[in-house]
């Protein structure tokens, strides 16, 4: 699971962790304006969204997220924190021009953002999940 995201919003650097109940991530609207959206759902929250911080790409493709009217969005992040299979957390930089793919889920008047994750292709990689980083 992606534990943290580093990003720039309104000319300021931010580093947020999913464990922070007030964690929000920036999403750029079609108008070009960036807004902050609450990141995922925690156990203590009593709202109709999936529990956690991520959306597995395989689950998205299988239609699991359809009831939340998913929309693919980009998070222009500077880096992210990921935990390996031994519990160690490391920060990784994101190359300029690339972004983290995320899913914007909607339920009535509320939205939540989830990091799209994949299973790493490299067999010797010490991570079970990895954020989907794209560019182009």
N, C-alpha and C. Protein backbone atom coordinates (compact mmCIF):
# COMPACT_ATOMS: atom_id res chain seq x y z
N UNK A 1 0.85 -1.18 0.00
CA UNK A 1 0.00 0.00 0.00
C UNK A 1 0.89 1.23 0.00
N UNK A 2 0.50 2.22 -0.73
CA UNK A 2 1.20 3.50 -0.75
C UNK A 2 0.91 4.20 0.58
N UNK A 3 1.95 4.44 1.37
CA UNK A 3 1.77 5.01 2.70
C UNK A 3 1.76 6.53 2.74
N UNK A 4 2.49 7.14 1.82
CA UNK A 4 2.60 8.59 1.83
C UNK A 4 2.84 9.15 0.44
N UNK A 5 2.51 10.42 0.28
CA UNK A 5 2.69 11.12 -0.99
C UNK A 5 3.30 12.49 -0.69
N UNK A 6 4.30 12.86 -1.47
CA UNK A 6 4.89 14.20 -1.39
C UNK A 6 4.45 14.95 -2.64
N UNK A 7 3.91 16.16 -2.46
CA UNK A 7 3.43 16.94 -3.60
C UNK A 7 3.55 18.42 -3.32
N UNK A 8 3.39 19.20 -4.37
CA UNK A 8 3.38 20.66 -4.26
C UNK A 8 1.96 21.13 -4.53
N UNK A 9 1.45 21.99 -3.64
CA UNK A 9 0.10 22.54 -3.79
C UNK A 9 0.15 24.00 -3.39
N UNK A 10 -0.31 24.84 -4.28
CA UNK A 10 -0.29 26.29 -4.07
C UNK A 10 1.10 26.77 -3.65
N UNK A 11 2.09 26.31 -4.43
CA UNK A 11 3.48 26.74 -4.26
C UNK A 11 4.13 26.27 -2.96
N UNK A 12 3.50 25.34 -2.24
CA UNK A 12 4.07 24.83 -0.99
C UNK A 12 4.25 23.32 -1.09
N UNK A 13 5.35 22.84 -0.51
CA UNK A 13 5.60 21.40 -0.47
C UNK A 13 4.80 20.76 0.66
N UNK A 14 4.21 19.62 0.37
CA UNK A 14 3.43 18.87 1.36
C UNK A 14 3.88 17.41 1.34
N UNK A 15 3.83 16.80 2.49
CA UNK A 15 4.09 15.37 2.63
C UNK A 15 3.00 14.83 3.52
N UNK A 16 2.12 13.99 2.96
CA UNK A 16 1.00 13.46 3.73
C UNK A 16 1.09 11.95 3.81
N UNK A 17 0.58 11.43 4.89
CA UNK A 17 0.53 9.99 5.12
C UNK A 17 -0.92 9.55 5.23
N UNK A 18 -1.23 8.40 4.67
CA UNK A 18 -2.61 7.92 4.72
C UNK A 18 -3.11 7.78 6.15
N UNK A 19 -2.24 7.45 7.08
CA UNK A 19 -2.67 7.27 8.47
C UNK A 19 -3.22 8.55 9.09
N UNK A 20 -2.90 9.70 8.53
CA UNK A 20 -3.45 10.97 9.01
C UNK A 20 -4.91 11.05 8.55
N UNK A 21 -5.86 11.11 9.48
CA UNK A 21 -7.27 11.13 9.08
C UNK A 21 -7.66 12.34 8.24
N UNK A 22 -6.81 13.36 8.22
CA UNK A 22 -7.10 14.56 7.42
C UNK A 22 -6.32 14.57 6.11
N UNK A 23 -5.72 13.44 5.73
CA UNK A 23 -4.89 13.37 4.51
C UNK A 23 -5.74 13.67 3.28
N UNK A 24 -5.24 14.59 2.47
CA UNK A 24 -5.90 14.94 1.21
C UNK A 24 -4.83 15.03 0.12
N UNK A 25 -5.25 14.74 -1.10
CA UNK A 25 -4.34 14.75 -2.24
C UNK A 25 -4.87 15.69 -3.32
N UNK A 26 -3.97 16.31 -4.09
CA UNK A 26 -4.40 17.27 -5.11
C UNK A 26 -4.87 16.59 -6.39
N UNK A 27 -5.97 17.09 -6.93
CA UNK A 27 -6.51 16.61 -8.20
C UNK A 27 -6.75 17.83 -9.07
N UNK A 28 -6.31 17.73 -10.31
CA UNK A 28 -6.51 18.84 -11.24
C UNK A 28 -7.83 18.63 -11.98
N UNK A 29 -8.72 19.63 -11.88
CA UNK A 29 -10.00 19.57 -12.58
C UNK A 29 -9.81 19.91 -14.05
N UNK A 30 -10.84 19.65 -14.84
CA UNK A 30 -10.77 19.96 -16.28
C UNK A 30 -10.50 21.44 -16.52
N UNK A 31 -10.96 22.28 -15.60
CA UNK A 31 -10.76 23.73 -15.73
C UNK A 31 -9.29 24.11 -15.51
N UNK A 32 -8.50 23.15 -15.00
CA UNK A 32 -7.10 23.43 -14.71
C UNK A 32 -6.85 23.75 -13.25
N UNK A 33 -7.91 24.01 -12.50
CA UNK A 33 -7.79 24.34 -11.08
C UNK A 33 -7.52 23.06 -10.28
N UNK A 34 -6.59 23.15 -9.34
CA UNK A 34 -6.30 22.02 -8.46
C UNK A 34 -7.13 22.13 -7.19
N UNK A 35 -7.68 20.99 -6.76
CA UNK A 35 -8.43 20.93 -5.50
C UNK A 35 -7.89 19.76 -4.68
N UNK A 36 -8.06 19.84 -3.37
CA UNK A 36 -7.65 18.75 -2.49
C UNK A 36 -8.84 17.85 -2.20
N UNK A 37 -8.61 16.54 -2.29
CA UNK A 37 -9.67 15.55 -2.07
C UNK A 37 -9.21 14.59 -0.97
N UNK A 38 -10.12 14.22 -0.09
CA UNK A 38 -9.80 13.28 0.99
C UNK A 38 -9.29 11.97 0.41
N UNK A 39 -8.25 11.43 1.06
CA UNK A 39 -7.59 10.22 0.58
C UNK A 39 -8.17 9.00 1.25
N UNK A 40 -8.88 8.17 0.50
CA UNK A 40 -9.37 6.87 0.97
C UNK A 40 -10.33 6.92 2.13
N UNK A 41 -10.45 5.77 2.79
CA UNK A 41 -11.34 5.64 3.95
C UNK A 41 -10.67 4.84 5.04
N UNK A 42 -10.80 5.31 6.25
CA UNK A 42 -10.25 4.63 7.41
C UNK A 42 -11.35 3.84 8.14
N UNK A 43 -10.95 2.90 8.97
CA UNK A 43 -11.91 2.05 9.70
C UNK A 43 -12.88 2.88 10.54
N UNK A 44 -12.42 3.98 11.08
CA UNK A 44 -13.25 4.80 11.97
C UNK A 44 -14.31 5.61 11.23
N UNK A 45 -14.22 5.69 9.92
CA UNK A 45 -15.16 6.51 9.15
C UNK A 45 -16.39 5.69 8.76
N UNK A 46 -17.54 6.26 8.98
CA UNK A 46 -18.81 5.59 8.67
C UNK A 46 -19.42 6.17 7.40
N UNK A 47 -18.75 5.96 6.28
CA UNK A 47 -19.24 6.43 4.99
C UNK A 47 -19.19 5.28 4.00
N UNK A 48 -19.93 5.42 2.93
CA UNK A 48 -20.03 4.34 1.94
C UNK A 48 -18.95 4.46 0.87
N UNK A 49 -17.71 4.17 1.27
CA UNK A 49 -16.58 4.08 0.35
C UNK A 49 -15.76 2.87 0.76
N UNK A 50 -15.00 2.30 -0.15
CA UNK A 50 -14.15 1.16 0.21
C UNK A 50 -13.10 1.55 1.26
N UNK A 51 -12.80 0.62 2.11
CA UNK A 51 -11.81 0.80 3.16
C UNK A 51 -10.41 0.80 2.55
N UNK A 52 -9.56 1.70 2.99
CA UNK A 52 -8.17 1.70 2.56
C UNK A 52 -7.79 2.91 1.73
N UNK A 53 -6.57 2.84 1.18
CA UNK A 53 -5.96 3.96 0.46
C UNK A 53 -5.75 3.69 -1.01
N UNK A 54 -5.98 2.46 -1.43
CA UNK A 54 -5.61 2.09 -2.80
C UNK A 54 -6.75 1.40 -3.53
N UNK A 55 -6.62 1.40 -4.86
CA UNK A 55 -7.53 0.68 -5.73
C UNK A 55 -6.66 -0.21 -6.62
N UNK A 56 -6.78 -1.49 -6.46
CA UNK A 56 -6.01 -2.41 -7.30
C UNK A 56 -6.48 -2.31 -8.74
N UNK A 57 -5.55 -2.20 -9.65
CA UNK A 57 -5.88 -2.09 -11.07
C UNK A 57 -6.75 -3.27 -11.52
N UNK A 58 -6.45 -4.46 -11.03
CA UNK A 58 -7.24 -5.64 -11.41
C UNK A 58 -8.69 -5.51 -10.94
N UNK A 59 -8.91 -4.92 -9.76
CA UNK A 59 -10.26 -4.71 -9.25
C UNK A 59 -11.01 -3.67 -10.08
N UNK A 60 -10.30 -2.63 -10.49
CA UNK A 60 -10.93 -1.60 -11.34
C UNK A 60 -11.39 -2.24 -12.64
N UNK A 61 -10.51 -3.00 -13.26
CA UNK A 61 -10.84 -3.65 -14.54
C UNK A 61 -11.95 -4.68 -14.40
N UNK A 62 -12.07 -5.29 -13.21
CA UNK A 62 -13.11 -6.30 -12.96
C UNK A 62 -14.47 -5.66 -12.64
N UNK A 63 -14.52 -4.33 -12.51
CA UNK A 63 -15.78 -3.65 -12.26
C UNK A 63 -16.14 -3.43 -10.81
N UNK A 64 -15.25 -3.82 -9.88
CA UNK A 64 -15.55 -3.65 -8.45
C UNK A 64 -15.88 -2.21 -8.09
N UNK A 65 -15.20 -1.25 -8.71
CA UNK A 65 -15.36 0.16 -8.35
C UNK A 65 -16.52 0.85 -9.06
N UNK A 66 -17.21 0.18 -9.95
CA UNK A 66 -18.25 0.83 -10.76
C UNK A 66 -19.34 1.53 -9.95
N UNK A 67 -19.69 0.99 -8.80
CA UNK A 67 -20.76 1.60 -8.00
C UNK A 67 -20.37 2.96 -7.44
N UNK A 68 -19.08 3.31 -7.48
CA UNK A 68 -18.62 4.62 -7.00
C UNK A 68 -18.28 5.56 -8.16
N UNK A 69 -18.77 5.24 -9.35
CA UNK A 69 -18.59 6.10 -10.53
C UNK A 69 -17.14 6.55 -10.68
N UNK A 70 -16.22 5.62 -10.84
CA UNK A 70 -14.79 5.94 -10.84
C UNK A 70 -14.37 6.80 -12.01
N UNK A 71 -13.42 7.67 -11.72
CA UNK A 71 -12.84 8.51 -12.76
C UNK A 71 -11.32 8.46 -12.57
N UNK A 72 -10.60 8.21 -13.64
CA UNK A 72 -9.13 8.19 -13.57
C UNK A 72 -8.63 9.63 -13.45
N UNK A 73 -7.74 9.86 -12.49
CA UNK A 73 -7.15 11.18 -12.29
C UNK A 73 -5.64 11.03 -12.10
N UNK A 74 -4.94 12.14 -12.27
CA UNK A 74 -3.49 12.15 -12.14
C UNK A 74 -3.11 12.91 -10.87
N UNK A 75 -2.14 12.37 -10.15
CA UNK A 75 -1.57 13.07 -9.01
C UNK A 75 -0.14 13.41 -9.40
N UNK A 76 0.10 14.71 -9.55
CA UNK A 76 1.44 15.17 -9.91
C UNK A 76 2.24 15.27 -8.61
N UNK A 77 2.85 14.17 -8.24
CA UNK A 77 3.57 14.06 -6.97
C UNK A 77 5.07 14.16 -7.20
N UNK A 78 5.77 14.53 -6.16
CA UNK A 78 7.23 14.56 -6.20
C UNK A 78 7.80 13.22 -5.77
N UNK A 79 7.02 12.47 -4.98
CA UNK A 79 7.48 11.17 -4.52
C UNK A 79 6.40 10.45 -3.73
N UNK A 80 6.72 9.23 -3.33
CA UNK A 80 5.77 8.44 -2.54
C UNK A 80 6.53 7.53 -1.59
N UNK A 81 5.86 7.13 -0.53
CA UNK A 81 6.43 6.20 0.45
C UNK A 81 5.73 4.86 0.29
N UNK A 82 6.53 3.81 0.30
CA UNK A 82 6.00 2.45 0.16
C UNK A 82 6.65 1.57 1.21
N UNK A 83 5.91 0.56 1.68
CA UNK A 83 6.44 -0.36 2.69
C UNK A 83 6.76 -1.69 2.03
N UNK A 84 7.96 -2.22 2.34
CA UNK A 84 8.34 -3.51 1.74
C UNK A 84 7.80 -4.67 2.56
N UNK A 85 8.08 -5.89 2.13
CA UNK A 85 7.53 -7.08 2.78
C UNK A 85 8.07 -7.30 4.19
N UNK A 86 9.15 -6.61 4.54
CA UNK A 86 9.71 -6.72 5.89
C UNK A 86 9.28 -5.57 6.80
N UNK A 87 8.41 -4.69 6.29
CA UNK A 87 7.91 -3.59 7.10
C UNK A 87 8.73 -2.31 7.04
N UNK A 88 9.78 -2.28 6.23
CA UNK A 88 10.60 -1.08 6.06
C UNK A 88 9.89 -0.11 5.12
N UNK A 89 9.89 1.18 5.47
CA UNK A 89 9.30 2.20 4.62
C UNK A 89 10.39 3.00 3.94
N UNK A 90 10.25 3.18 2.64
CA UNK A 90 11.20 3.97 1.86
C UNK A 90 10.44 4.99 1.02
N UNK A 91 11.10 6.14 0.77
CA UNK A 91 10.55 7.16 -0.11
C UNK A 91 11.19 7.01 -1.48
N UNK A 92 10.38 7.20 -2.53
CA UNK A 92 10.83 7.11 -3.91
C UNK A 92 10.46 8.38 -4.65
N UNK A 93 11.42 8.92 -5.41
CA UNK A 93 11.16 10.12 -6.21
C UNK A 93 10.42 9.74 -7.48
N UNK A 94 9.65 10.69 -7.98
CA UNK A 94 8.96 10.51 -9.26
C UNK A 94 9.62 11.44 -10.26
N UNK A 95 10.00 10.89 -11.38
CA UNK A 95 10.65 11.64 -12.45
C UNK A 95 9.71 12.73 -12.96
N UNK A 96 10.27 13.91 -13.22
CA UNK A 96 9.47 15.00 -13.75
C UNK A 96 8.80 14.56 -15.05
N UNK A 97 7.55 14.94 -15.23
CA UNK A 97 6.79 14.55 -16.40
C UNK A 97 5.98 13.28 -16.19
N UNK A 98 6.15 12.64 -15.04
CA UNK A 98 5.37 11.44 -14.71
C UNK A 98 4.41 11.76 -13.57
N UNK A 99 3.43 10.92 -13.38
CA UNK A 99 2.43 11.12 -12.34
C UNK A 99 1.97 9.78 -11.80
N UNK A 100 1.31 9.83 -10.65
CA UNK A 100 0.70 8.64 -10.06
C UNK A 100 -0.75 8.59 -10.53
N UNK A 101 -1.16 7.43 -11.04
CA UNK A 101 -2.56 7.30 -11.43
C UNK A 101 -3.38 7.07 -10.16
N UNK A 102 -4.51 7.73 -10.11
CA UNK A 102 -5.42 7.58 -8.99
C UNK A 102 -6.84 7.42 -9.50
N UNK A 103 -7.71 6.99 -8.61
CA UNK A 103 -9.11 6.80 -8.93
C UNK A 103 -9.91 7.76 -8.05
N UNK A 104 -10.76 8.55 -8.66
CA UNK A 104 -11.66 9.43 -7.92
C UNK A 104 -13.00 8.71 -7.81
N UNK A 105 -13.38 8.36 -6.60
CA UNK A 105 -14.64 7.66 -6.34
C UNK A 105 -15.66 8.68 -5.84
N UNK A 106 -16.92 8.50 -6.28
CA UNK A 106 -17.96 9.45 -5.89
C UNK A 106 -19.16 8.72 -5.33
N UNK A 107 -19.73 9.30 -4.28
CA UNK A 107 -20.93 8.77 -3.66
C UNK A 107 -21.78 9.97 -3.25
N UNK A 108 -22.84 10.20 -4.00
CA UNK A 108 -23.70 11.38 -3.80
C UNK A 108 -22.85 12.64 -3.93
N UNK A 109 -22.75 13.44 -2.87
CA UNK A 109 -22.01 14.70 -2.95
C UNK A 109 -20.59 14.61 -2.42
N UNK A 110 -20.13 13.41 -2.12
CA UNK A 110 -18.79 13.26 -1.55
C UNK A 110 -17.88 12.50 -2.50
N UNK A 111 -16.60 12.87 -2.47
CA UNK A 111 -15.58 12.21 -3.30
C UNK A 111 -14.43 11.75 -2.42
N UNK A 112 -13.79 10.69 -2.85
CA UNK A 112 -12.57 10.19 -2.22
C UNK A 112 -11.59 9.80 -3.32
N UNK A 113 -10.31 9.87 -2.99
CA UNK A 113 -9.29 9.51 -3.97
C UNK A 113 -8.53 8.29 -3.47
N UNK A 114 -8.23 7.37 -4.38
CA UNK A 114 -7.51 6.15 -4.07
C UNK A 114 -6.34 6.02 -5.05
N UNK A 115 -5.19 5.58 -4.56
CA UNK A 115 -4.03 5.37 -5.40
C UNK A 115 -4.20 4.05 -6.15
N UNK A 116 -4.04 4.09 -7.47
CA UNK A 116 -4.12 2.85 -8.27
C UNK A 116 -2.81 2.10 -8.08
N UNK A 117 -2.91 0.83 -7.72
CA UNK A 117 -1.72 0.02 -7.49
C UNK A 117 -1.71 -1.21 -8.40
N UNK A 118 -0.50 -1.69 -8.63
CA UNK A 118 -0.28 -2.87 -9.46
C UNK A 118 0.61 -3.84 -8.68
N UNK A 119 0.67 -5.08 -9.16
CA UNK A 119 1.61 -6.04 -8.62
C UNK A 119 2.92 -5.87 -9.39
N UNK A 120 4.04 -5.67 -8.70
CA UNK A 120 5.31 -5.48 -9.41
C UNK A 120 5.65 -6.65 -10.32
N UNK A 121 6.24 -6.34 -11.46
CA UNK A 121 6.60 -7.37 -12.44
C UNK A 121 7.92 -8.05 -12.06
N UNK A 122 8.81 -7.32 -11.42
CA UNK A 122 10.12 -7.85 -11.06
C UNK A 122 9.96 -8.85 -9.91
N UNK A 123 10.37 -10.08 -10.15
CA UNK A 123 10.16 -11.14 -9.15
C UNK A 123 10.93 -10.91 -7.85
N UNK A 124 12.09 -10.30 -7.92
CA UNK A 124 12.92 -10.09 -6.73
C UNK A 124 12.57 -8.81 -5.98
N UNK A 125 11.55 -8.11 -6.42
CA UNK A 125 11.18 -6.85 -5.78
C UNK A 125 10.57 -7.15 -4.42
N UNK A 126 10.93 -6.35 -3.42
CA UNK A 126 10.50 -6.58 -2.04
C UNK A 126 9.18 -5.92 -1.71
N UNK A 127 8.39 -5.58 -2.73
CA UNK A 127 7.11 -4.90 -2.52
C UNK A 127 5.99 -5.71 -3.15
N UNK A 128 4.88 -5.87 -2.41
CA UNK A 128 3.76 -6.64 -2.91
C UNK A 128 2.87 -5.81 -3.83
N UNK A 129 2.82 -4.51 -3.59
CA UNK A 129 2.02 -3.59 -4.40
C UNK A 129 2.89 -2.39 -4.73
N UNK A 130 2.55 -1.72 -5.83
CA UNK A 130 3.32 -0.57 -6.26
C UNK A 130 2.37 0.44 -6.91
N UNK A 131 2.51 1.72 -6.60
CA UNK A 131 1.65 2.71 -7.27
C UNK A 131 1.89 2.69 -8.78
N UNK A 132 0.84 2.89 -9.52
CA UNK A 132 0.95 2.92 -10.98
C UNK A 132 1.43 4.31 -11.41
N UNK A 133 2.68 4.38 -11.83
CA UNK A 133 3.28 5.64 -12.26
C UNK A 133 3.30 5.65 -13.77
N UNK A 134 2.73 6.70 -14.35
CA UNK A 134 2.62 6.82 -15.80
C UNK A 134 3.23 8.13 -16.28
N UNK A 135 3.41 8.25 -17.55
CA UNK A 135 3.93 9.48 -18.14
C UNK A 135 3.56 9.55 -19.60
N UNK A 136 3.82 10.70 -20.16
CA UNK A 136 3.54 10.81 -21.60
C UNK A 136 2.91 12.11 -21.97
